[in-house]
Amino acid sequence: MSDPSKFKDEEIERLRRAATGRKKNIDEKRVQLMRDTKRIIETGTLEQLEEQLELLGMGRDTPKGREVLQRFISLRGGSLR
C-alpha cells in the first residue's frame, strides 16, 4: 500500500502550469533575440551585431561569437577589426 501524496492534484497541476509558463516565456524571449540577430545580420552594422551577440552570451571572444562575426564579415565583404 502506498502512502497518500502530501500534495493535492490541483496543487501539482498549478505548479506544472507555472513551470510550463516560465519555460514558454523564456523560449519566446530567446526566439525574439534570434529574430533580432537575424535582422541585424541582414541589415545592421558590425557594432549592432556585437551588441546583440553579447545579449545572447556569445561575445567576440567566444568560439561561436567569432564564427558568427566571421560569417557576417564574409557576407558583407571586409575584415574583422
C-alpha atoms as a PDB file:
ATOM      1  CA  MET A   1       0.000   0.000   0.000  1.00  0.00           C
ATOM      2  CA  SER A   2       1.435   3.375  -0.947  1.00  0.00           C
ATOM      3  CA  ASP A   3       1.392   6.480   1.196  1.00  0.00           C
ATOM      4  CA  PRO A   4      -1.029   9.202   0.136  1.00  0.00           C
ATOM      5  CA  SER A   5       0.660  12.156  -1.516  1.00  0.00           C
ATOM      6  CA  LYS A   6       1.073  15.242   0.617  1.00  0.00           C
ATOM      7  CA  PHE A   7       0.295  17.340  -2.485  1.00  0.00           C
ATOM      8  CA  LYS A   8      -3.203  17.731  -3.858  1.00  0.00           C
ATOM      9  CA  ASP A   9      -3.783  17.122  -7.550  1.00  0.00           C
ATOM     10  CA  GLU A  10      -4.813  20.746  -8.043  1.00  0.00           C
ATOM     11  CA  GLU A  11      -1.576  21.979  -6.478  1.00  0.00           C
ATOM     12  CA  ILE A  12       0.526  19.695  -8.650  1.00  0.00           C
ATOM     13  CA  GLU A  13      -1.309  20.881 -11.772  1.00  0.00           C
ATOM     14  CA  ARG A  14      -0.891  24.549 -10.756  1.00  0.00           C
ATOM     15  CA  LEU A  15       2.857  24.082 -10.252  1.00  0.00           C
ATOM     16  CA  ARG A  16       3.157  22.264 -13.586  1.00  0.00           C
ATOM     17  CA  ARG A  17       1.341  25.066 -15.413  1.00  0.00           C
ATOM     18  CA  ALA A  18       3.508  27.702 -13.724  1.00  0.00           C
ATOM     19  CA  ALA A  19       6.702  25.908 -14.747  1.00  0.00           C
ATOM     20  CA  THR A  20       5.449  25.491 -18.313  1.00  0.00           C
ATOM     21  CA  GLY A  21       4.543  29.186 -18.475  1.00  0.00           C
ATOM     22  CA  ARG A  22       8.011  30.268 -17.314  1.00  0.00           C
ATOM     23  CA  LYS A  23       9.653  27.997 -19.893  1.00  0.00           C
ATOM     24  CA  LYS A  24       7.408  29.353 -22.641  1.00  0.00           C
ATOM     25  CA  ASN A  25       8.282  32.955 -21.718  1.00  0.00           C
ATOM     26  CA  ILE A  26      11.994  32.148 -21.772  1.00  0.00           C
ATOM     27  CA  ASP A  27      11.646  30.390 -25.128  1.00  0.00           C
ATOM     28  CA  GLU A  28       9.739  33.338 -26.597  1.00  0.00           C
ATOM     29  CA  LYS A  29      12.412  35.778 -25.419  1.00  0.00           C
ATOM     30  CA  ARG A  30      15.145  33.596 -26.923  1.00  0.00           C
ATOM     31  CA  VAL A  31      13.261  33.337 -30.236  1.00  0.00           C
ATOM     32  CA  GLN A  32      12.830  37.119 -30.303  1.00  0.00           C
ATOM     33  CA  LEU A  33      16.562  37.618 -29.645  1.00  0.00           C
ATOM     34  CA  MET A  34      17.350  35.258 -32.517  1.00  0.00           C
ATOM     35  CA  ARG A  35      14.947  37.142 -34.838  1.00  0.00           C
ATOM     36  CA  ASP A  36      16.571  40.430 -33.872  1.00  0.00           C
ATOM     37  CA  THR A  37      20.003  38.923 -34.511  1.00  0.00           C
ATOM     38  CA  LYS A  38      18.944  37.714 -37.956  1.00  0.00           C
ATOM     39  CA  ARG A  39      17.590  41.179 -38.792  1.00  0.00           C
ATOM     40  CA  ILE A  40      20.868  42.775 -37.683  1.00  0.00           C
ATOM     41  CA  ILE A  41      22.867  40.306 -39.771  1.00  0.00           C
ATOM     42  CA  GLU A  42      20.754  41.166 -42.809  1.00  0.00           C
ATOM     43  CA  THR A  43      20.627  44.959 -42.436  1.00  0.00           C
ATOM     44  CA  GLY A  44      22.661  46.085 -39.426  1.00  0.00           C
ATOM     45  CA  THR A  45      26.223  47.061 -38.649  1.00  0.00           C
ATOM     46  CA  LEU A  46      29.069  45.088 -37.127  1.00  0.00           C
ATOM     47  CA  GLU A  47      28.707  47.060 -33.891  1.00  0.00           C
ATOM     48  CA  GLN A  48      25.000  46.229 -33.649  1.00  0.00           C
ATOM     49  CA  LEU A  49      25.782  42.558 -34.221  1.00  0.00           C
ATOM     50  CA  GLU A  50      28.445  42.573 -31.499  1.00  0.00           C
ATOM     51  CA  GLU A  51      25.977  44.134 -29.033  1.00  0.00           C
ATOM     52  CA  GLN A  52      23.340  41.554 -29.941  1.00  0.00           C
ATOM     53  CA  LEU A  53      25.780  38.677 -29.532  1.00  0.00           C
ATOM     54  CA  GLU A  54      26.608  39.961 -26.046  1.00  0.00           C
ATOM     55  CA  LEU A  55      22.897  39.747 -25.190  1.00  0.00           C
ATOM     56  CA  LEU A  56      22.922  36.154 -26.393  1.00  0.00           C
ATOM     57  CA  GLY A  57      26.016  35.367 -24.336  1.00  0.00           C
ATOM     58  CA  MET A  58      28.218  34.953 -27.400  1.00  0.00           C
ATOM     59  CA  GLY A  59      30.747  37.766 -27.278  1.00  0.00           C
ATOM     60  CA  ARG A  60      33.511  38.169 -29.830  1.00  0.00           C
ATOM     61  CA  ASP A  61      35.832  36.224 -27.508  1.00  0.00           C
ATOM     62  CA  THR A  62      33.788  33.012 -27.691  1.00  0.00           C
ATOM     63  CA  PRO A  63      34.213  30.461 -30.487  1.00  0.00           C
ATOM     64  CA  LYS A  64      30.551  30.760 -31.547  1.00  0.00           C
ATOM     65  CA  GLY A  65      30.694  34.553 -31.411  1.00  0.00           C
ATOM     66  CA  ARG A  66      33.819  34.662 -33.577  1.00  0.00           C
ATOM     67  CA  GLU A  67      32.197  32.269 -36.048  1.00  0.00           C
ATOM     68  CA  VAL A  68      29.074  34.448 -36.376  1.00  0.00           C
ATOM     69  CA  LEU A  69      31.141  37.618 -36.749  1.00  0.00           C
ATOM     70  CA  GLN A  70      33.380  35.987 -39.354  1.00  0.00           C
ATOM     71  CA  ARG A  71      30.338  34.887 -41.376  1.00  0.00           C
ATOM     72  CA  PHE A  72      28.820  38.359 -41.092  1.00  0.00           C
ATOM     73  CA  ILE A  73      32.017  39.925 -42.373  1.00  0.00           C
ATOM     74  CA  SER A  74      32.369  37.435 -45.217  1.00  0.00           C
ATOM     75  CA  LEU A  75      28.789  38.180 -46.292  1.00  0.00           C
ATOM     76  CA  ARG A  76      29.411  41.921 -46.206  1.00  0.00           C
ATOM     77  CA  GLY A  77      32.977  41.792 -47.513  1.00  0.00           C
ATOM     78  CA  GLY A  78      35.691  43.140 -45.273  1.00  0.00           C
ATOM     79  CA  SER A  79      37.818  42.033 -42.364  1.00  0.00           C
ATOM     80  CA  LEU A  80      37.468  41.566 -38.640  1.00  0.00           C
ATOM     81  CA  ARG A  81      38.906  44.534 -36.733  1.00  0.00           C
END
